[in-house]
Amino acid sequence: MSRISVRGFAVASATAVTTVGAVVGVASGGTAAADDNNFEATAADTTLLADIPAGQQAQVQTASLTQQADAQASAADAAAKKSVEEAARIQAAKDAKSKKAAAEERLEKERQEKKERAERASRSSIRSAASFATQSSYSVAEVQAMARQMVPADQFQCFSNIVNHESTWNYRASNPSSGAYGLVQALPGSKMSSAGADWQTNPATQIKWGLSYMDGRYGSPCGAWSFWQANHWY
């Protein structure tokens, strides 16, 4: 006859405990039932399932299996709950990331639209050289005012820096050794004739040519100013 150990079977209820205690007393030949304090020690001494009457074995096994099933179900519920919570956390993180990306994209689009509106407004306010009445002479303030109306607002300071260094806003400035002439010191000065025949006497014509030169060679007056700072010529 095989002898199966009782160890590993947990007693899940008071009834099962009482039953096992009674059976232990019978199996060991004793006449008194073990109390709650010495039950575990007594059960440890009588650990063979074969020693328990057949009628009580099923009760012990059933109680143990029930407790194991309950423990497994509880563990499964906890694992499922943890899995659901983790999935929710991951989804929440994805949603937050998507919202952040959408917000950043929207802000960038708004900034770009604002920049384009400003550029359109700046271009619409720019006057051509031909729109200025011809004068016999121009003050520095008048020449600067003309430049402000012809050069894009975001490029004016760079343009002004170059002109200030090249001619100090003197549209008749001439370099006798090189032949450079005018506000932007075109070399030779006759290059400016492509902007107008009055290049020697009209600051607007010189500004028009200088702006075209800076845009064509350096991309913008600010590009020309960056080059000028590094080389002291442009």
Protein backbone atom coordinates (compact mmCIF):
# COMPACT_ATOMS: atom_id res chain seq x y z
CA MET A 1 0.00 0.00 0.00
CA SER A 2 1.40 3.37 -0.96
CA ARG A 3 1.98 5.93 1.80
CA ILE A 4 1.26 9.53 0.77
CA SER A 5 2.52 12.38 3.00
CA VAL A 6 -0.01 14.88 4.35
CA ARG A 7 2.59 17.73 4.25
CA GLY A 8 1.71 20.30 1.63
CA PHE A 9 -2.04 19.92 2.18
CA ALA A 10 -3.21 23.04 4.07
CA VAL A 11 -6.31 22.77 6.23
CA ALA A 12 -8.61 25.55 5.05
CA SER A 13 -11.33 25.57 7.69
CA ALA A 14 -11.95 24.99 11.39
CA THR A 15 -13.91 21.88 10.52
CA ALA A 16 -10.99 20.44 8.61
CA VAL A 17 -8.63 21.26 11.51
CA THR A 18 -10.88 19.55 13.99
CA THR A 19 -11.21 16.55 11.76
CA VAL A 20 -7.48 16.17 11.29
CA GLY A 21 -6.93 16.59 15.02
CA ALA A 22 -9.38 13.82 15.76
CA VAL A 23 -7.82 11.57 13.18
CA VAL A 24 -4.35 12.19 14.55
CA GLY A 25 -5.52 11.08 17.96
CA VAL A 26 -6.90 7.87 16.55
CA ALA A 27 -3.86 7.13 14.42
CA SER A 28 -1.46 7.56 17.32
CA GLY A 29 -3.46 5.44 19.70
CA GLY A 30 -4.27 8.34 22.05
CA THR A 31 -7.63 8.85 23.74
CA ALA A 32 -7.69 12.67 23.98
CA ALA A 33 -8.06 15.17 21.07
CA ALA A 34 -5.17 17.60 20.48
CA ASP A 35 -5.94 21.23 21.34
CA ASP A 36 -5.23 24.23 19.08
CA ASN A 37 -1.77 24.83 20.57
CA ASN A 38 -0.35 21.31 20.10
CA PHE A 39 -2.27 20.41 16.95
CA GLU A 40 0.48 21.44 14.52
CA ALA A 41 3.15 19.54 16.44
CA THR A 42 0.98 16.46 16.63
CA ALA A 43 0.14 16.63 12.94
CA ALA A 44 3.84 16.91 12.18
CA ASP A 45 4.44 13.64 13.97
CA THR A 46 1.71 11.94 11.98
CA THR A 47 2.39 13.08 8.44
CA LEU A 48 1.33 10.04 6.43
CA LEU A 49 -1.97 10.23 4.60
CA ALA A 50 -2.19 6.46 4.76
CA ASP A 51 -2.41 6.70 8.54
CA ILE A 52 -5.64 8.71 8.29
CA PRO A 53 -8.82 6.66 7.90
CA ALA A 54 -9.97 6.53 4.27
CA GLY A 55 -13.17 8.39 5.07
CA GLN A 56 -11.26 11.38 6.37
CA GLN A 57 -8.63 11.50 3.59
CA ALA A 58 -11.03 12.96 1.03
CA GLN A 59 -12.07 15.70 3.48
CA VAL A 60 -8.47 16.70 4.14
CA GLN A 61 -7.59 16.69 0.44
CA THR A 62 -10.73 18.62 -0.49
CA ALA A 63 -10.05 21.32 2.08
CA SER A 64 -6.44 21.64 0.93
CA LEU A 65 -7.32 21.80 -2.77
CA THR A 66 -10.04 24.36 -2.10
CA GLN A 67 -7.57 26.61 -0.32
CA GLN A 68 -5.03 26.19 -3.12
CA ALA A 69 -7.67 27.02 -5.72
CA ASP A 70 -8.70 30.12 -3.76
CA ALA A 71 -5.06 31.22 -3.49
CA GLN A 72 -4.49 30.68 -7.20
CA ALA A 73 -7.67 32.59 -8.09
CA SER A 74 -6.62 35.46 -5.81
CA ALA A 75 -3.17 35.55 -7.40
CA ALA A 76 -4.70 35.49 -10.88
CA ASP A 77 -7.02 38.38 -9.99
CA ALA A 78 -4.08 40.41 -8.63
CA ALA A 79 -2.02 39.71 -11.75
CA ALA A 80 -4.92 40.66 -14.01
CA LYS A 81 -5.49 43.88 -12.07
CA LYS A 82 -1.79 44.75 -12.26
CA SER A 83 -1.78 44.04 -16.01
CA VAL A 84 -4.79 46.31 -16.54
CA GLU A 85 -3.20 49.09 -14.47
CA GLU A 86 0.09 48.81 -16.38
CA ALA A 87 -1.71 48.90 -19.73
CA ALA A 88 -3.63 51.98 -18.58
CA ARG A 89 -0.38 53.65 -17.46
CA ILE A 90 1.31 52.95 -20.80
CA GLN A 91 -1.70 54.23 -22.75
CA ALA A 92 -1.85 57.37 -20.60
CA ALA A 93 1.84 58.02 -21.29
CA LYS A 94 1.26 57.56 -25.03
CA ASP A 95 -1.73 59.91 -24.95
CA ALA A 96 0.25 62.55 -23.05
CA LYS A 97 3.12 62.28 -25.55
CA SER A 98 0.73 62.62 -28.48
CA LYS A 99 -0.95 65.65 -26.93
CA LYS A 100 2.42 67.29 -26.28
CA ALA A 101 3.55 66.68 -29.87
CA ALA A 102 0.26 68.07 -31.21
CA ALA A 103 0.56 71.17 -29.01
CA GLU A 104 4.16 71.79 -30.10
CA GLU A 105 3.18 71.35 -33.75
CA ARG A 106 0.31 73.80 -33.32
CA LEU A 107 2.56 76.38 -31.65
CA GLU A 108 5.18 76.02 -34.39
CA LYS A 109 2.52 76.47 -37.03
CA GLU A 110 1.21 79.59 -35.28
CA ARG A 111 4.75 81.00 -35.01
CA GLN A 112 5.35 80.35 -38.69
CA GLU A 113 2.07 81.97 -39.67
CA LYS A 114 2.86 84.97 -37.49
CA LYS A 115 6.28 85.28 -39.08
CA GLU A 116 4.81 85.07 -42.58
CA ARG A 117 2.21 87.73 -41.74
CA ALA A 118 4.94 90.01 -40.45
CA GLU A 119 7.02 89.44 -43.58
CA ARG A 120 4.04 90.17 -45.82
CA ALA A 121 3.29 93.32 -43.86
CA SER A 122 6.93 94.35 -44.10
CA ARG A 123 7.04 93.73 -47.85
CA SER A 124 3.81 95.60 -48.41
CA SER A 125 5.22 98.64 -46.63
CA ILE A 126 8.46 98.70 -48.65
CA ARG A 127 8.68 101.51 -51.14
CA SER A 128 10.55 101.41 -54.42
CA ALA A 129 13.34 103.82 -55.29
CA ALA A 130 11.14 105.45 -57.91
CA SER A 131 8.53 106.42 -55.33
CA PHE A 132 10.80 109.05 -53.77
CA ALA A 133 10.86 112.57 -55.21
CA THR A 134 14.24 113.60 -56.53
CA GLN A 135 16.05 116.29 -54.54
CA SER A 136 19.20 118.27 -55.13
CA SER A 137 20.63 117.06 -51.86
CA TYR A 138 19.71 114.81 -48.91
CA SER A 139 20.53 114.94 -45.22
CA VAL A 140 21.67 111.86 -43.33
CA ALA A 141 18.29 111.71 -41.60
CA GLU A 142 16.49 111.80 -44.95
CA VAL A 143 18.69 109.07 -46.39
CA GLN A 144 18.12 106.89 -43.33
CA ALA A 145 14.37 107.48 -43.56
CA MET A 146 14.46 106.35 -47.20
CA ALA A 147 16.37 103.22 -46.24
CA ARG A 148 13.86 102.36 -43.52
CA GLN A 149 11.12 102.44 -46.14
CA MET A 150 13.03 100.33 -48.64
CA VAL A 151 14.77 97.71 -46.49
CA PRO A 152 12.72 94.99 -44.72
CA ALA A 153 12.27 95.88 -41.06
CA ASP A 154 14.03 92.77 -39.78
CA GLN A 155 17.04 93.52 -42.00
CA PHE A 156 17.35 97.24 -41.52
CA GLN A 157 19.76 97.20 -38.58
CA CYS A 158 22.20 94.95 -40.44
CA PHE A 159 21.94 97.14 -43.53
CA SER A 160 22.47 100.22 -41.38
CA ASN A 161 25.55 98.73 -39.71
CA ILE A 162 27.22 98.13 -43.05
CA VAL A 163 26.36 101.57 -44.43
CA ASN A 164 27.53 103.23 -41.26
CA HIS A 165 30.92 101.51 -41.48
CA GLU A 166 31.29 101.98 -45.25
CA SER A 167 30.20 105.61 -45.71
CA THR A 168 28.67 106.95 -42.47
CA TRP A 169 25.47 107.46 -44.55
CA ASN A 170 27.15 109.83 -47.00
CA TYR A 171 25.64 109.02 -50.39
CA ARG A 172 28.45 110.97 -52.10
CA ALA A 173 31.26 109.22 -50.25
CA SER A 174 34.10 108.33 -52.60
CA ASN A 175 37.28 106.34 -52.12
CA PRO A 176 39.87 107.90 -54.45
CA SER A 177 42.28 104.99 -54.19
CA SER A 178 39.83 102.21 -54.99
CA GLY A 179 37.02 103.94 -56.81
CA ALA A 180 34.37 102.70 -54.39
CA TYR A 181 31.41 105.05 -54.24
CA GLY A 182 28.20 105.85 -52.39
CA LEU A 183 26.39 104.58 -49.32
CA VAL A 184 27.41 100.97 -49.75
CA GLN A 185 30.77 101.76 -51.42
CA ALA A 186 30.08 99.88 -54.63
CA LEU A 187 33.32 99.00 -56.40
CA PRO A 188 33.42 100.45 -58.92
CA GLY A 189 30.60 102.88 -58.28
CA SER A 190 29.35 102.53 -61.85
CA LYS A 191 27.99 99.09 -60.92
CA MET A 192 25.04 100.90 -59.41
CA SER A 193 23.93 102.10 -62.84
CA SER A 194 22.03 98.81 -63.10
CA ALA A 195 19.65 100.23 -60.49
CA GLY A 196 19.31 103.65 -62.09
CA ALA A 197 21.13 106.24 -64.15
CA ASP A 198 21.08 108.64 -61.21
CA TRP A 199 23.20 106.38 -59.04
CA GLN A 200 25.68 109.17 -58.24
CA THR A 201 23.12 111.58 -56.82
CA ASN A 202 20.12 109.56 -55.66
CA PRO A 203 20.40 107.70 -52.34
CA ALA A 204 17.30 105.65 -53.16
CA THR A 205 19.01 104.22 -56.23
CA GLN A 206 22.09 103.37 -54.16
CA ILE A 207 19.95 101.73 -51.47
CA LYS A 208 18.13 99.71 -54.12
CA TRP A 209 21.38 98.47 -55.61
CA GLY A 210 22.99 97.79 -52.22
CA LEU A 211 20.00 95.76 -51.04
CA SER A 212 19.98 93.73 -54.26
CA TYR A 213 23.72 93.09 -53.94
CA MET A 214 23.47 91.92 -50.33
CA ASP A 215 20.52 89.65 -51.07
CA GLY A 216 22.16 88.17 -54.15
CA ARG A 217 25.61 87.56 -52.65
CA TYR A 218 24.85 86.85 -48.98
CA GLY A 219 21.17 86.04 -48.88
CA SER A 220 20.23 89.14 -46.92
CA PRO A 221 21.72 92.27 -45.35
CA CYS A 222 22.18 90.32 -42.11
CA GLY A 223 24.11 87.66 -44.02
CA ALA A 224 26.27 90.43 -45.48
CA TRP A 225 26.78 91.96 -42.03
CA SER A 226 27.93 88.62 -40.58
CA PHE A 227 30.50 88.36 -43.37
CA TRP A 228 31.55 91.97 -42.85
CA GLN A 229 32.15 91.39 -39.14
CA ALA A 230 34.45 88.49 -39.91
CA ASN A 231 36.34 90.16 -42.77
CA HIS A 232 35.76 93.93 -42.52
CA TRP A 233 34.62 93.99 -46.13
CA TYR A 234 31.78 92.40 -48.04
